[in-house]
Amino acid sequence: VKIADCFSQDEVIDLVGTTKGKGFNGVVTRWGVTRLVRKSHRGLRKVACIGSWHPARTPLRAAGLPPPHEINKKIYRIGKALKDDPNNARTDNDLTEKAITPMGGFSHYGEVNEDWVMLKGTVMGPRKRLITLRKSLLPQVSRKALEKVTLKFIDTSSKFGHGRFQTSEEKAKFYGAALKKAKTEKAEKEEAA
């Protein structure tokens, strides 16, 4: 099933997934419970009262459980695979022929060869983490959800430093003349000597 068959551009969707691991943490960091007062007995980064005697169960708000989903993520663009559209990062304002993969690839991921989705905001989890996309459960009537997004530029410079060039051709054009000039000067000096 292709992504374009399920979702469309400017649609608002929900994501379901797991966040990055944070190792062994206490309750204040892990669940976001409030620290106790300064002079409390036997430590202050602990849980004191987590609810009344009755109802005799812990309410979820006391546990501070994070929801396993993020809602209302807008789809900015759905791109085709590299073999179907080799210039899938081109926009109306930026006519440079380039693919969505930045120079040198995405860090800890590599190259994008299949269909892809560009969303607004962040996505939970590390690279290559499995994430479920689902249709929004809420009716989307806000002005923000209904507006049409037109991308003007997609940055494909290197993500491994100070990315300066959008394509390898652009880099070769910039550095190529200088390298060629240096080689010819070196060859001329050798001939003269």
Protein backbone atom coordinates (compact mmCIF):
# COMPACT_ATOMS: atom_id res chain seq x y z
CA VAL A 1 0.00 0.00 0.00
CA LYS A 2 1.49 3.34 -1.01
CA ILE A 3 1.43 6.27 1.39
CA ALA A 4 -0.28 8.46 -1.21
CA ASP A 5 -3.24 6.04 -1.28
CA CYS A 6 -3.90 6.52 2.45
CA PHE A 7 -2.99 10.17 3.10
CA SER A 8 -2.86 13.41 1.15
CA GLN A 9 -0.93 16.66 1.34
CA ASP A 10 -2.19 19.26 3.87
CA GLU A 11 -4.01 16.53 5.80
CA VAL A 12 -3.66 16.37 9.61
CA ILE A 13 -2.71 12.97 11.03
CA ASP A 14 -1.78 11.31 14.33
CA LEU A 15 1.44 9.43 15.14
CA VAL A 16 1.72 6.43 17.46
CA GLY A 17 5.15 5.33 18.65
CA THR A 18 7.70 5.10 21.43
CA THR A 19 10.11 7.84 22.45
CA LYS A 20 13.87 7.53 22.76
CA GLY A 21 15.10 5.65 25.81
CA LYS A 22 16.46 7.76 28.67
CA GLY A 23 17.99 4.97 30.79
CA PHE A 24 17.32 4.51 34.49
CA ASN A 25 15.69 7.65 35.83
CA GLY A 26 13.81 8.60 38.96
CA VAL A 27 10.16 9.53 39.09
CA VAL A 28 10.71 13.29 38.73
CA THR A 29 12.49 12.93 35.39
CA ARG A 30 10.62 9.84 34.22
CA TRP A 31 7.03 10.77 34.96
CA GLY A 32 7.24 14.47 35.73
CA VAL A 33 5.93 14.32 39.29
CA THR A 34 6.54 17.36 41.49
CA ARG A 35 9.61 17.54 43.71
CA LEU A 36 8.92 17.57 47.42
CA VAL A 37 9.84 20.46 49.72
CA ARG A 38 13.43 21.30 50.60
CA LYS A 39 13.61 19.67 54.07
CA SER A 40 11.53 16.58 53.36
CA HIS A 41 12.50 13.31 55.07
CA ARG A 42 14.73 10.88 53.13
CA GLY A 43 15.00 12.78 49.89
CA LEU A 44 12.84 15.05 47.81
CA ARG A 45 12.85 13.55 44.29
CA LYS A 46 10.22 11.00 45.31
CA VAL A 47 6.50 10.37 45.12
CA ALA A 48 4.56 11.25 48.27
CA CYS A 49 0.80 11.06 47.94
CA ILE A 50 -0.45 9.63 44.66
CA GLY A 51 -4.14 10.01 45.30
CA SER A 52 -6.88 9.65 47.87
CA TRP A 53 -7.69 6.44 49.77
CA HIS A 54 -10.83 6.00 47.69
CA PRO A 55 -11.08 5.34 44.79
CA ALA A 56 -8.47 2.74 45.74
CA ARG A 57 -6.44 2.93 42.52
CA THR A 58 -3.84 5.28 41.16
CA PRO A 59 -5.23 7.80 38.70
CA LEU A 60 -3.25 8.09 35.48
CA ARG A 61 -2.71 11.81 36.02
CA ALA A 62 -0.86 10.99 39.27
CA ALA A 63 1.41 8.55 37.47
CA GLY A 64 2.13 11.23 34.86
CA LEU A 65 2.03 8.69 32.04
CA PRO A 66 2.92 10.19 28.67
CA PRO A 67 0.49 9.32 25.91
CA PRO A 68 1.97 6.95 23.30
CA HIS A 69 0.78 9.23 20.52
CA GLU A 70 1.09 12.74 19.12
CA ILE A 71 -1.92 14.31 17.48
CA ASN A 72 -2.46 16.93 14.78
CA LYS A 73 0.67 16.61 12.65
CA LYS A 74 0.24 18.33 9.30
CA ILE A 75 1.55 16.64 6.15
CA TYR A 76 3.69 19.14 4.24
CA ARG A 77 4.57 16.84 1.35
CA ILE A 78 4.31 13.23 0.23
CA GLY A 79 7.28 12.36 -1.99
CA LYS A 80 7.63 9.57 -4.53
CA ALA A 81 10.40 6.99 -4.62
CA LEU A 82 13.74 7.93 -6.16
CA LYS A 83 13.21 5.67 -9.18
CA ASP A 84 9.80 7.26 -9.93
CA ASP A 85 10.82 10.88 -9.34
CA PRO A 86 14.59 11.57 -9.17
CA ASN A 87 13.94 15.28 -8.44
CA ASN A 88 11.48 14.77 -5.58
CA ALA A 89 12.77 17.75 -3.54
CA ARG A 90 12.07 20.35 -6.24
CA THR A 91 9.63 23.16 -5.46
CA ASP A 92 8.01 25.89 -7.56
CA ASN A 93 10.42 28.53 -6.25
CA ASP A 94 13.54 26.32 -6.21
CA LEU A 95 13.98 24.61 -9.58
CA THR A 96 17.26 22.88 -8.66
CA GLU A 97 17.22 19.23 -9.69
CA LYS A 98 17.76 17.41 -6.39
CA ALA A 99 16.46 14.46 -4.39
CA ILE A 100 15.25 14.64 -0.78
CA THR A 101 18.39 12.95 0.59
CA PRO A 102 20.86 15.61 1.80
CA MET A 103 24.49 15.53 0.73
CA GLY A 104 26.17 12.68 2.61
CA GLY A 105 22.80 11.17 3.59
CA PHE A 106 20.75 11.58 6.75
CA SER A 107 22.81 10.99 9.91
CA HIS A 108 22.38 7.45 11.28
CA TYR A 109 19.96 6.65 8.46
CA GLY A 110 21.47 6.95 4.99
CA GLU A 111 19.69 7.60 1.72
CA VAL A 112 15.94 7.77 1.14
CA ASN A 113 15.03 5.61 -1.85
CA GLU A 114 11.35 4.85 -1.16
CA ASP A 115 8.23 7.02 -0.77
CA TRP A 116 8.52 9.56 2.04
CA VAL A 117 6.38 11.93 4.12
CA MET A 118 7.37 15.39 5.36
CA LEU A 119 5.53 16.39 8.55
CA LYS A 120 5.42 19.58 10.57
CA GLY A 121 7.26 19.36 13.88
CA THR A 122 9.10 16.48 15.48
CA VAL A 123 8.51 12.75 15.44
CA MET A 124 9.07 10.57 18.50
CA GLY A 125 11.88 8.05 18.75
CA PRO A 126 15.34 7.58 17.24
CA ARG A 127 16.11 6.98 13.58
CA LYS A 128 14.58 3.84 12.05
CA ARG A 129 12.02 3.53 14.88
CA LEU A 130 8.71 2.07 13.70
CA ILE A 131 5.96 4.69 13.82
CA THR A 132 2.28 4.18 13.03
CA LEU A 133 0.49 6.91 11.09
CA ARG A 134 -3.27 7.09 11.48
CA LYS A 135 -6.09 9.34 10.39
CA SER A 136 -6.94 12.04 12.90
CA LEU A 137 -9.58 11.01 15.41
CA LEU A 138 -10.79 14.58 15.86
CA PRO A 139 -12.65 16.57 13.21
CA GLN A 140 -10.19 19.13 11.84
CA VAL A 141 -12.00 22.47 11.56
CA SER A 142 -9.38 24.96 12.75
CA ARG A 143 -7.92 27.52 10.38
CA LYS A 144 -4.45 26.07 10.90
CA ALA A 145 -5.57 22.55 9.92
CA LEU A 146 -7.44 23.71 6.81
CA GLU A 147 -4.79 26.03 5.35
CA LYS A 148 -2.91 24.97 2.23
CA VAL A 149 0.89 24.81 2.60
CA THR A 150 3.17 25.69 -0.31
CA LEU A 151 6.80 24.78 0.28
CA LYS A 152 9.24 27.27 -1.20
CA PHE A 153 12.52 25.52 -0.42
CA ILE A 154 13.71 22.14 0.85
CA ASP A 155 17.21 22.18 2.33
CA THR A 156 19.38 19.31 1.09
CA SER A 157 22.73 20.57 2.34
CA SER A 158 24.90 18.24 4.41
CA LYS A 159 23.69 17.47 7.94
CA PHE A 160 27.23 16.54 9.11
CA GLY A 161 28.61 20.01 9.61
CA HIS A 162 28.17 23.44 8.10
CA GLY A 163 26.19 22.42 5.04
CA ARG A 164 26.96 24.90 2.29
CA PHE A 165 25.93 23.29 -0.99
CA GLN A 166 22.57 21.84 -2.03
CA THR A 167 23.91 19.37 -4.63
CA SER A 168 27.24 17.76 -5.47
CA GLU A 169 27.14 19.52 -8.87
CA GLU A 170 26.92 22.88 -7.09
CA LYS A 171 29.93 21.94 -4.94
CA ALA A 172 31.95 20.77 -7.94
CA LYS A 173 31.11 23.97 -9.80
CA PHE A 174 32.34 26.05 -6.86
CA TYR A 175 35.51 24.11 -6.11
CA GLY A 176 36.17 22.65 -9.55
CA ALA A 177 37.63 25.78 -11.14
CA ALA A 178 39.97 26.38 -8.19
CA LEU A 179 41.25 22.78 -8.22
CA LYS A 180 41.73 22.80 -11.97
CA LYS A 181 43.63 26.11 -11.78
CA ALA A 182 45.92 24.79 -9.03
CA LYS A 183 46.69 21.65 -11.04
CA THR A 184 47.54 23.61 -14.19
CA GLU A 185 49.78 26.02 -12.24
CA LYS A 186 51.58 23.07 -10.64
CA ALA A 187 52.07 21.43 -14.06
CA GLU A 188 53.43 24.70 -15.52
CA LYS A 189 55.93 25.04 -12.66
CA GLU A 190 57.12 21.47 -13.19
CA GLU A 191 57.57 22.10 -16.94
CA ALA A 192 59.48 25.33 -16.25
CA ALA A 193 61.83 23.60 -13.79
